[in-house]
Amino acid sequence: MKILHNPRCTKSRQTLALIQEKSEDISIIEYLKTPPTRDELKDILKKLDMNASQIIRKGETIFKESFKGKDLTEDEWLDAMVEFPKLIERPIVIKGDKAVIGRPPENVLEIL
């Protein structure tokens, strides 16, 4: 199991704590320090059964300044997330061929 984690994010910390309470073995990826590649993002989106625009953090300054109101393609959103990983919704928990966004943290129970 892996978590794309931001230790400064309350929801991300709560999701990680919930997983650790269940004694699940987890690999913690601080995605702002080690951003996912374009191919990794495509794989994550497939596991989430979502498209790129659905995991964009629209409250982030970079979104408001550079992307708000724009109609980007899937490839353009992927490029944006690679360049600006802050745009990626967090936390994302991946287990096998499934993934969930830990908002709310209890969402992770679906794959535990």
PDB file of N, CA and C in Angstrom:
ATOM      1  N   MET A   1       0.847  -1.171   0.000  1.00  0.00           N
ATOM      2  CA  MET A   1       0.000   0.000   0.000  1.00  0.00           C
ATOM      3  C   MET A   1       0.893   1.234   0.000  1.00  0.00           C
ATOM      4  N   LYS A   2       0.444   2.275  -0.741  1.00  0.00           N
ATOM      5  CA  LYS A   2       1.179   3.541  -0.810  1.00  0.00           C
ATOM      6  C   LYS A   2       0.228   4.692  -0.537  1.00  0.00           C
ATOM      7  N   ILE A   3       0.793   5.761  -0.004  1.00  0.00           N
ATOM      8  CA  ILE A   3       0.023   6.990   0.178  1.00  0.00           C
ATOM      9  C   ILE A   3       0.828   8.144  -0.395  1.00  0.00           C
ATOM     10  N   LEU A   4       0.162   8.924  -1.261  1.00  0.00           N
ATOM     11  CA  LEU A   4       0.732  10.193  -1.704  1.00  0.00           C
ATOM     12  C   LEU A   4       0.347  11.186  -0.619  1.00  0.00           C
ATOM     13  N   HIS A   5       1.334  11.615   0.129  1.00  0.00           N
ATOM     14  CA  HIS A   5       1.127  12.274   1.412  1.00  0.00           C
ATOM     15  C   HIS A   5       1.761  13.658   1.440  1.00  0.00           C
ATOM     16  N   ASN A   6       1.076  14.570   2.111  1.00  0.00           N
ATOM     17  CA  ASN A   6       1.633  15.877   2.431  1.00  0.00           C
ATOM     18  C   ASN A   6       1.531  16.016   3.944  1.00  0.00           C
ATOM     19  N   PRO A   7       2.658  15.938   4.650  1.00  0.00           N
ATOM     20  CA  PRO A   7       2.615  15.975   6.114  1.00  0.00           C
ATOM     21  C   PRO A   7       2.055  17.283   6.685  1.00  0.00           C
ATOM     22  N   ARG A   8       1.958  18.328   5.872  1.00  0.00           N
ATOM     23  CA  ARG A   8       1.402  19.599   6.340  1.00  0.00           C
ATOM     24  C   ARG A   8      -0.117  19.636   6.230  1.00  0.00           C
ATOM     25  N   CYS A   9      -0.699  18.619   5.605  1.00  0.00           N
ATOM     26  CA  CYS A   9      -2.150  18.576   5.373  1.00  0.00           C
ATOM     27  C   CYS A   9      -2.838  17.749   6.456  1.00  0.00           C
ATOM     28  N   THR A  10      -3.821  18.335   7.103  1.00  0.00           N
ATOM     29  CA  THR A  10      -4.552  17.654   8.174  1.00  0.00           C
ATOM     30  C   THR A  10      -5.212  16.372   7.680  1.00  0.00           C
ATOM     31  N   LYS A  11      -5.907  16.437   6.550  1.00  0.00           N
ATOM     32  CA  LYS A  11      -6.598  15.244   6.023  1.00  0.00           C
ATOM     33  C   LYS A  11      -5.605  14.150   5.671  1.00  0.00           C
ATOM     34  N   SER A  12      -4.466  14.535   5.150  1.00  0.00           N
ATOM     35  CA  SER A  12      -3.441  13.561   4.802  1.00  0.00           C
ATOM     36  C   SER A  12      -2.908  12.880   6.071  1.00  0.00           C
ATOM     37  N   ARG A  13      -2.663  13.656   7.104  1.00  0.00           N
ATOM     38  CA  ARG A  13      -2.188  13.077   8.376  1.00  0.00           C
ATOM     39  C   ARG A  13      -3.249  12.178   8.986  1.00  0.00           C
ATOM     40  N   GLN A  14      -4.521  12.589   8.926  1.00  0.00           N
ATOM     41  CA  GLN A  14      -5.602  11.772   9.488  1.00  0.00           C
ATOM     42  C   GLN A  14      -5.747  10.454   8.727  1.00  0.00           C
ATOM     43  N   THR A  15      -5.619  10.517   7.410  1.00  0.00           N
ATOM     44  CA  THR A  15      -5.721   9.299   6.601  1.00  0.00           C
ATOM     45  C   THR A  15      -4.577   8.350   6.913  1.00  0.00           C
ATOM     46  N   LEU A  16      -3.371   8.868   7.009  1.00  0.00           N
ATOM     47  CA  LEU A  16      -2.212   8.043   7.342  1.00  0.00           C
ATOM     48  C   LEU A  16      -2.390   7.399   8.720  1.00  0.00           C
ATOM     49  N   ALA A  17      -2.866   8.155   9.691  1.00  0.00           N
ATOM     50  CA  ALA A  17      -3.086   7.610  11.037  1.00  0.00           C
ATOM     51  C   ALA A  17      -4.115   6.489  11.011  1.00  0.00           C
ATOM     52  N   LEU A  18      -5.169   6.653  10.237  1.00  0.00           N
ATOM     53  CA  LEU A  18      -6.205   5.628  10.130  1.00  0.00           C
ATOM     54  C   LEU A  18      -5.634   4.335   9.551  1.00  0.00           C
ATOM     55  N   ILE A  19      -4.811   4.460   8.534  1.00  0.00           N
ATOM     56  CA  ILE A  19      -4.172   3.275   7.940  1.00  0.00           C
ATOM     57  C   ILE A  19      -3.254   2.605   8.955  1.00  0.00           C
ATOM     58  N   GLN A  20      -2.467   3.412   9.648  1.00  0.00           N
ATOM     59  CA  GLN A  20      -1.532   2.853  10.626  1.00  0.00           C
ATOM     60  C   GLN A  20      -2.261   2.192  11.794  1.00  0.00           C
ATOM     61  N   GLU A  21      -3.442   2.701  12.161  1.00  0.00           N
ATOM     62  CA  GLU A  21      -4.248   2.057  13.208  1.00  0.00           C
ATOM     63  C   GLU A  21      -4.658   0.645  12.801  1.00  0.00           C
ATOM     64  N   LYS A  22      -4.863   0.455  11.524  1.00  0.00           N
ATOM     65  CA  LYS A  22      -5.282  -0.850  10.996  1.00  0.00           C
ATOM     66  C   LYS A  22      -4.087  -1.763  10.750  1.00  0.00           C
ATOM     67  N   SER A  23      -2.905  -1.302  11.140  1.00  0.00           N
ATOM     68  CA  SER A  23      -1.663  -2.071  11.022  1.00  0.00           C
ATOM     69  C   SER A  23      -1.331  -2.452   9.583  1.00  0.00           C
ATOM     70  N   GLU A  24      -1.759  -1.631   8.644  1.00  0.00           N
ATOM     71  CA  GLU A  24      -1.418  -1.884   7.243  1.00  0.00           C
ATOM     72  C   GLU A  24       0.024  -1.431   6.990  1.00  0.00           C
ATOM     73  N   ASP A  25       0.747  -2.221   6.201  1.00  0.00           N
ATOM     74  CA  ASP A  25       2.092  -1.852   5.779  1.00  0.00           C
ATOM     75  C   ASP A  25       1.951  -0.775   4.700  1.00  0.00           C
ATOM     76  N   ILE A  26       2.573   0.371   4.914  1.00  0.00           N
ATOM     77  CA  ILE A  26       2.379   1.476   3.982  1.00  0.00           C
ATOM     78  C   ILE A  26       3.688   2.162   3.633  1.00  0.00           C
ATOM     79  N   SER A  27       3.817   2.484   2.361  1.00  0.00           N
ATOM     80  CA  SER A  27       4.948   3.253   1.868  1.00  0.00           C
ATOM     81  C   SER A  27       4.473   4.698   1.732  1.00  0.00           C
ATOM     82  N   ILE A  28       5.150   5.606   2.414  1.00  0.00           N
ATOM     83  CA  ILE A  28       4.747   7.013   2.417  1.00  0.00           C
ATOM     84  C   ILE A  28       5.552   7.767   1.365  1.00  0.00           C
ATOM     85  N   ILE A  29       4.835   8.382   0.427  1.00  0.00           N
ATOM     86  CA  ILE A  29       5.478   9.164  -0.624  1.00  0.00           C
ATOM     87  C   ILE A  29       5.081  10.621  -0.434  1.00  0.00           C
ATOM     88  N   GLU A  30       6.045  11.439  -0.035  1.00  0.00           N
ATOM     89  CA  GLU A  30       5.787  12.873   0.085  1.00  0.00           C
ATOM     90  C   GLU A  30       5.851  13.442  -1.327  1.00  0.00           C
ATOM     91  N   TYR A  31       4.680  13.525  -1.954  1.00  0.00           N
ATOM     92  CA  TYR A  31       4.625  13.799  -3.381  1.00  0.00           C
ATOM     93  C   TYR A  31       5.069  15.200  -3.779  1.00  0.00           C
ATOM     94  N   LEU A  32       5.174  16.120  -2.821  1.00  0.00           N
ATOM     95  CA  LEU A  32       5.706  17.437  -3.163  1.00  0.00           C
ATOM     96  C   LEU A  32       7.228  17.390  -3.267  1.00  0.00           C
ATOM     97  N   LYS A  33       7.854  16.442  -2.554  1.00  0.00           N
ATOM     98  CA  LYS A  33       9.304  16.242  -2.637  1.00  0.00           C
ATOM     99  C   LYS A  33       9.660  15.274  -3.763  1.00  0.00           C
ATOM    100  N   THR A  34       8.811  14.271  -3.969  1.00  0.00           N
ATOM    101  CA  THR A  34       9.024  13.256  -5.000  1.00  0.00           C
ATOM    102  C   THR A  34       7.741  13.155  -5.823  1.00  0.00           C
ATOM    103  N   PRO A  35       7.553  14.087  -6.757  1.00  0.00           N
ATOM    104  CA  PRO A  35       6.304  14.104  -7.525  1.00  0.00           C
ATOM    105  C   PRO A  35       6.168  12.873  -8.424  1.00  0.00           C
ATOM    106  N   PRO A  36       4.939  12.427  -8.634  1.00  0.00           N
ATOM    107  CA  PRO A  36       4.720  11.311  -9.554  1.00  0.00           C
ATOM    108  C   PRO A  36       5.008  11.745 -10.990  1.00  0.00           C
ATOM    109  N   THR A  37       5.437  10.781 -11.788  1.00  0.00           N
ATOM    110  CA  THR A  37       5.658  11.045 -13.201  1.00  0.00           C
ATOM    111  C   THR A  37       4.312  11.068 -13.921  1.00  0.00           C
ATOM    112  N   ARG A  38       4.344  11.448 -15.152  1.00  0.00           N
ATOM    113  CA  ARG A  38       3.138  11.467 -15.982  1.00  0.00           C
ATOM    114  C   ARG A  38       2.534  10.061 -16.063  1.00  0.00           C
ATOM    115  N   ASP A  39       3.389   9.052 -16.294  1.00  0.00           N
ATOM    116  CA  ASP A  39       2.907   7.670 -16.378  1.00  0.00           C
ATOM    117  C   ASP A  39       2.340   7.191 -15.047  1.00  0.00           C
ATOM    118  N   GLU A  40       2.988   7.569 -13.946  1.00  0.00           N
ATOM    119  CA  GLU A  40       2.465   7.194 -12.629  1.00  0.00           C
ATOM    120  C   GLU A  40       1.106   7.836 -12.388  1.00  0.00           C
ATOM    121  N   LEU A  41       0.952   9.099 -12.781  1.00  0.00           N
ATOM    122  CA  LEU A  41      -0.342   9.775 -12.632  1.00  0.00           C
ATOM    123  C   LEU A  41      -1.421   9.079 -13.457  1.00  0.00           C
ATOM    124  N   LYS A  42      -1.098   8.681 -14.680  1.00  0.00           N
ATOM    125  CA  LYS A  42      -2.073   7.977 -15.522  1.00  0.00           C
ATOM    126  C   LYS A  42      -2.499   6.666 -14.863  1.00  0.00           C
ATOM    127  N   ASP A  43      -1.538   5.970 -14.268  1.00  0.00           N
ATOM    128  CA  ASP A  43      -1.839   4.711 -13.579  1.00  0.00           C
ATOM    129  C   ASP A  43      -2.722   4.957 -12.352  1.00  0.00           C
ATOM    130  N   ILE A  44      -2.405   5.993 -11.597  1.00  0.00           N
ATOM    131  CA  ILE A  44      -3.196   6.344 -10.412  1.00  0.00           C
ATOM    132  C   ILE A  44      -4.624   6.703 -10.824  1.00  0.00           C
ATOM    133  N   LEU A  45      -4.763   7.488 -11.876  1.00  0.00           N
ATOM    134  CA  LEU A  45      -6.096   7.879 -12.344  1.00  0.00           C
ATOM    135  C   LEU A  45      -6.915   6.665 -12.762  1.00  0.00           C
ATOM    136  N   LYS A  46      -6.267   5.710 -13.405  1.00  0.00           N
ATOM    137  CA  LYS A  46      -6.954   4.478 -13.799  1.00  0.00           C
ATOM    138  C   LYS A  46      -7.457   3.737 -12.558  1.00  0.00           C
ATOM    139  N   LYS A  47      -6.613   3.669 -11.522  1.00  0.00           N
ATOM    140  CA  LYS A  47      -6.987   2.987 -10.281  1.00  0.00           C
ATOM    141  C   LYS A  47      -8.087   3.735  -9.527  1.00  0.00           C
ATOM    142  N   LEU A  48      -8.094   5.057  -9.658  1.00  0.00           N
ATOM    143  CA  LEU A  48      -9.145   5.874  -9.035  1.00  0.00           C
ATOM    144  C   LEU A  48     -10.439   5.847  -9.844  1.00  0.00           C
ATOM    145  N   ASP A  49     -10.331   5.447 -11.103  1.00  0.00           N
ATOM    146  CA  ASP A  49     -11.443   5.520 -12.053  1.00  0.00           C
ATOM    147  C   ASP A  49     -11.931   6.967 -12.186  1.00  0.00           C
ATOM    148  N   MET A  50     -10.955   7.856 -12.381  1.00  0.00           N
ATOM    149  CA  MET A  50     -11.231   9.285 -12.518  1.00  0.00           C
ATOM    150  C   MET A  50     -10.410   9.841 -13.675  1.00  0.00           C
ATOM    151  N   ASN A  51     -10.770  11.045 -14.099  1.00  0.00           N
ATOM    152  CA  ASN A  51      -9.917  11.726 -15.067  1.00  0.00           C
ATOM    153  C   ASN A  51      -9.118  12.797 -14.335  1.00  0.00           C
ATOM    154  N   ALA A  52      -8.141  13.341 -15.022  1.00  0.00           N
ATOM    155  CA  ALA A  52      -7.198  14.267 -14.391  1.00  0.00           C
ATOM    156  C   ALA A  52      -7.878  15.481 -13.764  1.00  0.00           C
ATOM    157  N   SER A  53      -8.865  16.046 -14.447  1.00  0.00           N
ATOM    158  CA  SER A  53      -9.498  17.257 -13.914  1.00  0.00           C
ATOM    159  C   SER A  53     -10.217  17.004 -12.590  1.00  0.00           C
ATOM    160  N   GLN A  54     -10.582  15.752 -12.327  1.00  0.00           N
ATOM    161  CA  GLN A  54     -11.295  15.429 -11.080  1.00  0.00           C
ATOM    162  C   GLN A  54     -10.388  15.419  -9.853  1.00  0.00           C
ATOM    163  N   ILE A  55      -9.067  15.372 -10.039  1.00  0.00           N
ATOM    164  CA  ILE A  55      -8.181  15.361  -8.873  1.00  0.00           C
ATOM    165  C   ILE A  55      -7.355  16.646  -8.779  1.00  0.00           C
ATOM    166  N   ILE A  56      -7.849  17.699  -9.416  1.00  0.00           N
ATOM    167  CA  ILE A  56      -7.171  18.996  -9.354  1.00  0.00           C
ATOM    168  C   ILE A  56      -7.658  19.764  -8.124  1.00  0.00           C
ATOM    169  N   ARG A  57      -6.711  20.302  -7.368  1.00  0.00           N
ATOM    170  CA  ARG A  57      -7.035  21.133  -6.207  1.00  0.00           C
ATOM    171  C   ARG A  57      -7.312  22.556  -6.687  1.00  0.00           C
ATOM    172  N   LYS A  58      -8.579  22.871  -6.813  1.00  0.00           N
ATOM    173  CA  LYS A  58      -8.983  24.154  -7.390  1.00  0.00           C
ATOM    174  C   LYS A  58      -8.819  25.331  -6.425  1.00  0.00           C
ATOM    175  N   GLY A  59      -8.539  25.059  -5.168  1.00  0.00           N
ATOM    176  CA  GLY A  59      -8.325  26.130  -4.204  1.00  0.00           C
ATOM    177  C   GLY A  59      -6.882  26.607  -4.135  1.00  0.00           C
ATOM    178  N   GLU A  60      -5.981  25.898  -4.805  1.00  0.00           N
ATOM    179  CA  GLU A  60      -4.565  26.273  -4.768  1.00  0.00           C
ATOM    180  C   GLU A  60      -4.317  27.560  -5.562  1.00  0.00           C
ATOM    181  N   THR A  61      -3.392  28.363  -5.080  1.00  0.00           N
ATOM    182  CA  THR A  61      -3.043  29.624  -5.733  1.00  0.00           C
ATOM    183  C   THR A  61      -2.626  29.396  -7.181  1.00  0.00           C
ATOM    184  N   ILE A  62      -1.817  28.376  -7.425  1.00  0.00           N
ATOM    185  CA  ILE A  62      -1.347  28.116  -8.794  1.00  0.00           C
ATOM    186  C   ILE A  62      -2.527  27.819  -9.719  1.00  0.00           C
ATOM    187  N   PHE A  63      -3.558  27.150  -9.223  1.00  0.00           N
ATOM    188  CA  PHE A  63      -4.739  26.903 -10.047  1.00  0.00           C
ATOM    189  C   PHE A  63      -5.434  28.224 -10.375  1.00  0.00           C
ATOM    190  N   LYS A  64      -5.670  29.023  -9.332  1.00  0.00           N
ATOM    191  CA  LYS A  64      -6.388  30.281  -9.517  1.00  0.00           C
ATOM    192  C   LYS A  64      -5.652  31.227 -10.461  1.00  0.00           C
ATOM    193  N   GLU A  65      -4.319  31.245 -10.358  1.00  0.00           N
ATOM    194  CA  GLU A  65      -3.528  32.181 -11.156  1.00  0.00           C
ATOM    195  C   GLU A  65      -3.298  31.698 -12.586  1.00  0.00           C
ATOM    196  N   SER A  66      -3.212  30.376 -12.788  1.00  0.00           N
ATOM    197  CA  SER A  66      -2.792  29.872 -14.092  1.00  0.00           C
ATOM    198  C   SER A  66      -3.818  29.025 -14.838  1.00  0.00           C
ATOM    199  N   PHE A  67      -4.791  28.454 -14.127  1.00  0.00           N
ATOM    200  CA  PHE A  67      -5.661  27.474 -14.779  1.00  0.00           C
ATOM    201  C   PHE A  67      -7.160  27.742 -14.669  1.00  0.00           C
ATOM    202  N   LYS A  68      -7.566  28.571 -13.740  1.00  0.00           N
ATOM    203  CA  LYS A  68      -8.994  28.817 -13.521  1.00  0.00           C
ATOM    204  C   LYS A  68      -9.653  29.325 -14.805  1.00  0.00           C
ATOM    205  N   GLY A  69     -10.779  28.698 -15.142  1.00  0.00           N
ATOM    206  CA  GLY A  69     -11.536  29.111 -16.305  1.00  0.00           C
ATOM    207  C   GLY A  69     -11.032  28.537 -17.621  1.00  0.00           C
ATOM    208  N   LYS A  70      -9.941  27.795 -17.579  1.00  0.00           N
ATOM    209  CA  LYS A  70      -9.391  27.210 -18.794  1.00  0.00           C
ATOM    210  C   LYS A  70      -9.944  25.801 -18.993  1.00  0.00           C
ATOM    211  N   ASP A  71     -10.148  25.441 -20.234  1.00  0.00           N
ATOM    212  CA  ASP A  71     -10.650  24.117 -20.592  1.00  0.00           C
ATOM    213  C   ASP A  71      -9.479  23.300 -21.118  1.00  0.00           C
ATOM    214  N   LEU A  72      -8.801  22.583 -20.218  1.00  0.00           N
ATOM    215  CA  LEU A  72      -7.627  21.815 -20.587  1.00  0.00           C
ATOM    216  C   LEU A  72      -7.998  20.381 -20.954  1.00  0.00           C
ATOM    217  N   THR A  73      -7.194  19.794 -21.810  1.00  0.00           N
ATOM    218  CA  THR A  73      -7.365  18.386 -22.165  1.00  0.00           C
ATOM    219  C   THR A  73      -6.781  17.522 -21.050  1.00  0.00           C
ATOM    220  N   GLU A  74      -7.059  16.242 -21.114  1.00  0.00           N
ATOM    221  CA  GLU A  74      -6.490  15.295 -20.144  1.00  0.00           C
ATOM    222  C   GLU A  74      -4.962  15.397 -20.142  1.00  0.00           C
ATOM    223  N   ASP A  75      -4.356  15.419 -21.314  1.00  0.00           N
ATOM    224  CA  ASP A  75      -2.893  15.508 -21.409  1.00  0.00           C
ATOM    225  C   ASP A  75      -2.370  16.817 -20.824  1.00  0.00           C
ATOM    226  N   GLU A  76      -3.075  17.900 -21.045  1.00  0.00           N
ATOM    227  CA  GLU A  76      -2.646  19.191 -20.500  1.00  0.00           C
ATOM    228  C   GLU A  76      -2.735  19.199 -18.976  1.00  0.00           C
ATOM    229  N   TRP A  77      -3.794  18.582 -18.413  1.00  0.00           N
ATOM    230  CA  TRP A  77      -3.900  18.495 -16.950  1.00  0.00           C
ATOM    231  C   TRP A  77      -2.778  17.626 -16.394  1.00  0.00           C
ATOM    232  N   LEU A  78      -2.473  16.523 -17.059  1.00  0.00           N
ATOM    233  CA  LEU A  78      -1.358  15.666 -16.607  1.00  0.00           C
ATOM    234  C   LEU A  78      -0.057  16.455 -16.593  1.00  0.00           C
ATOM    235  N   ASP A  79       0.208  17.195 -17.661  1.00  0.00           N
ATOM    236  CA  ASP A  79       1.420  18.013 -17.719  1.00  0.00           C
ATOM    237  C   ASP A  79       1.440  19.040 -16.589  1.00  0.00           C
ATOM    238  N   ALA A  80       0.290  19.645 -16.321  1.00  0.00           N
ATOM    239  CA  ALA A  80       0.200  20.646 -15.249  1.00  0.00           C
ATOM    240  C   ALA A  80       0.505  20.029 -13.886  1.00  0.00           C
ATOM    241  N   MET A  81      -0.031  18.817 -13.639  1.00  0.00           N
ATOM    242  CA  MET A  81       0.221  18.167 -12.345  1.00  0.00           C
ATOM    243  C   MET A  81       1.678  17.749 -12.192  1.00  0.00           C
ATOM    244  N   VAL A  82       2.310  17.360 -13.289  1.00  0.00           N
ATOM    245  CA  VAL A  82       3.727  17.007 -13.227  1.00  0.00           C
ATOM    246  C   VAL A  82       4.549  18.257 -12.911  1.00  0.00           C
ATOM    247  N   GLU A  83       4.213  19.361 -13.564  1.00  0.00           N
ATOM    248  CA  GLU A  83       4.949  20.604 -13.352  1.00  0.00           C
ATOM    249  C   GLU A  83       4.642  21.242 -11.997  1.00  0.00           C
ATOM    250  N   PHE A  84       3.379  21.143 -11.565  1.00  0.00           N
ATOM    251  CA  PHE A  84       2.931  21.763 -10.311  1.00  0.00           C
ATOM    252  C   PHE A  84       2.232  20.705  -9.449  1.00  0.00           C
ATOM    253  N   PRO A  85       2.993  19.849  -8.751  1.00  0.00           N
ATOM    254  CA  PRO A  85       2.367  18.760  -7.981  1.00  0.00           C
ATOM    255  C   PRO A  85       1.402  19.237  -6.895  1.00  0.00           C
ATOM    256  N   LYS A  86       1.473  20.514  -6.507  1.00  0.00           N
ATOM    257  CA  LYS A  86       0.511  21.038  -5.525  1.00  0.00           C
ATOM    258  C   LYS A  86      -0.923  20.950  -6.032  1.00  0.00           C
ATOM    259  N   LEU A  87      -1.081  20.836  -7.346  1.00  0.00           N
ATOM    260  CA  LEU A  87      -2.416  20.733  -7.943  1.00  0.00           C
ATOM    261  C   LEU A  87      -3.080  19.387  -7.665  1.00  0.00           C
ATOM    262  N   ILE A  88      -2.292  18.381  -7.287  1.00  0.00           N
ATOM    263  CA  ILE A  88      -2.821  17.024  -7.099  1.00  0.00           C
ATOM    264  C   ILE A  88      -3.562  16.931  -5.762  1.00  0.00           C
ATOM    265  N   GLU A  89      -4.810  16.468  -5.828  1.00  0.00           N
ATOM    266  CA  GLU A  89      -5.598  16.263  -4.605  1.00  0.00           C
ATOM    267  C   GLU A  89      -4.861  15.281  -3.703  1.00  0.00           C
ATOM    268  N   ARG A  90      -5.020  15.472  -2.423  1.00  0.00           N
ATOM    269  CA  ARG A  90      -4.331  14.622  -1.455  1.00  0.00           C
ATOM    270  C   ARG A  90      -5.259  14.276  -0.317  1.00  0.00           C
ATOM    271  N   PRO A  91      -4.945  13.235   0.373  1.00  0.00           N
ATOM    272  CA  PRO A  91      -3.993  12.179   0.050  1.00  0.00           C
ATOM    273  C   PRO A  91      -4.626  11.168  -0.914  1.00  0.00           C
ATOM    274  N   ILE A  92      -3.782  10.486  -1.642  1.00  0.00           N
ATOM    275  CA  ILE A  92      -4.241   9.394  -2.491  1.00  0.00           C
ATOM    276  C   ILE A  92      -3.612   8.121  -1.947  1.00  0.00           C
ATOM    277  N   VAL A  93      -4.468   7.138  -1.666  1.00  0.00           N
ATOM    278  CA  VAL A  93      -4.005   5.859  -1.135  1.00  0.00           C
ATOM    279  C   VAL A  93      -4.191   4.803  -2.218  1.00  0.00           C
ATOM    280  N   ILE A  94      -3.129   4.030  -2.460  1.00  0.00           N
ATOM    281  CA  ILE A  94      -3.123   3.032  -3.526  1.00  0.00           C
ATOM    282  C   ILE A  94      -2.834   1.662  -2.921  1.00  0.00           C
ATOM    283  N   LYS A  95      -3.680   0.705  -3.278  1.00  0.00           N
ATOM    284  CA  LYS A  95      -3.474  -0.674  -2.845  1.00  0.00           C
ATOM    285  C   LYS A  95      -3.821  -1.583  -4.020  1.00  0.00           C
ATOM    286  N   GLY A  96      -2.817  -2.240  -4.555  1.00  0.00           N
ATOM    287  CA  GLY A  96      -3.034  -3.115  -5.698  1.00  0.00           C
ATOM    288  C   GLY A  96      -3.566  -2.344  -6.886  1.00  0.00           C
ATOM    289  N   ASP A  97      -4.708  -2.788  -7.406  1.00  0.00           N
ATOM    290  CA  ASP A  97      -5.283  -2.125  -8.579  1.00  0.00           C
ATOM    291  C   ASP A  97      -6.393  -1.144  -8.211  1.00  0.00           C
ATOM    292  N   LYS A  98      -6.442  -0.745  -6.944  1.00  0.00           N
ATOM    293  CA  LYS A  98      -7.446   0.213  -6.462  1.00  0.00           C
ATOM    294  C   LYS A  98      -6.750   1.402  -5.820  1.00  0.00           C
ATOM    295  N   ALA A  99      -7.443   2.532  -5.856  1.00  0.00           N
ATOM    296  CA  ALA A  99      -6.957   3.737  -5.187  1.00  0.00           C
ATOM    297  C   ALA A  99      -8.158   4.559  -4.741  1.00  0.00           C
ATOM    298  N   VAL A 100      -7.971   5.342  -3.677  1.00  0.00           N
ATOM    299  CA  VAL A 100      -9.002   6.260  -3.197  1.00  0.00           C
ATOM    300  C   VAL A 100      -8.341   7.557  -2.746  1.00  0.00           C
ATOM    301  N   ILE A 101      -9.155   8.601  -2.776  1.00  0.00           N
ATOM    302  CA  ILE A 101      -8.711   9.882  -2.227  1.00  0.00           C
ATOM    303  C   ILE A 101      -9.216   9.938  -0.794  1.00  0.00           C
ATOM    304  N   GLY A 102      -8.339  10.238   0.128  1.00  0.00           N
ATOM    305  CA  GLY A 102      -8.672  10.261   1.551  1.00  0.00           C
ATOM    306  C   GLY A 102      -9.349  11.537   1.993  1.00  0.00           C
ATOM    307  N   ARG A 103     -10.388  11.911   1.327  1.00  0.00           N
ATOM    308  CA  ARG A 103     -11.224  13.071   1.680  1.00  0.00           C
ATOM    309  C   ARG A 103     -12.665  12.637   1.589  1.00  0.00           C
ATOM    310  N   PRO A 104     -13.267  12.316   2.685  1.00  0.00           N
ATOM    311  CA  PRO A 104     -12.761  12.286   4.044  1.00  0.00           C
ATOM    312  C   PRO A 104     -11.828  11.091   4.259  1.00  0.00           C
ATOM    313  N   PRO A 105     -11.050  11.130   5.339  1.00  0.00           N
ATOM    314  CA  PRO A 105     -10.099  10.050   5.599  1.00  0.00           C
ATOM    315  C   PRO A 105     -10.732   8.669   5.602  1.00  0.00           C
ATOM    316  N   GLU A 106     -12.001   8.562   6.010  1.00  0.00           N
ATOM    317  CA  GLU A 106     -12.679   7.264   6.083  1.00  0.00           C
ATOM    318  C   GLU A 106     -12.809   6.593   4.718  1.00  0.00           C
ATOM    319  N   ASN A 107     -12.647   7.339   3.638  1.00  0.00           N
ATOM    320  CA  ASN A 107     -12.692   6.746   2.293  1.00  0.00           C
ATOM    321  C   ASN A 107     -11.690   5.607   2.156  1.00  0.00           C
ATOM    322  N   VAL A 108     -10.592   5.701   2.903  1.00  0.00           N
ATOM    323  CA  VAL A 108      -9.536   4.686   2.795  1.00  0.00           C
ATOM    324  C   VAL A 108     -10.025   3.315   3.262  1.00  0.00           C
ATOM    325  N   LEU A 109     -11.050   3.277   4.080  1.00  0.00           N
ATOM    326  CA  LEU A 109     -11.571   1.999   4.579  1.00  0.00           C
ATOM    327  C   LEU A 109     -12.080   1.127   3.443  1.00  0.00           C
ATOM    328  N   GLU A 110     -12.435   1.734   2.298  1.00  0.00           N
ATOM    329  CA  GLU A 110     -12.910   0.978   1.143  1.00  0.00           C
ATOM    330  C   GLU A 110     -11.864  -0.001   0.613  1.00  0.00           C
ATOM    331  N   ILE A 111     -10.581   0.311   0.783  1.00  0.00           N
ATOM    332  CA  ILE A 111      -9.548  -0.561   0.221  1.00  0.00           C
ATOM    333  C   ILE A 111      -8.683  -1.256   1.288  1.00  0.00           C
ATOM    334  N   LEU A 112      -9.003  -1.050   2.546  1.00  0.00           N
ATOM    335  CA  LEU A 112      -8.212  -1.722   3.592  1.00  0.00           C
ATOM    336  C   LEU A 112      -8.658  -3.170   3.758  1.00  0.00           C
TER     337      LEU A 112
END
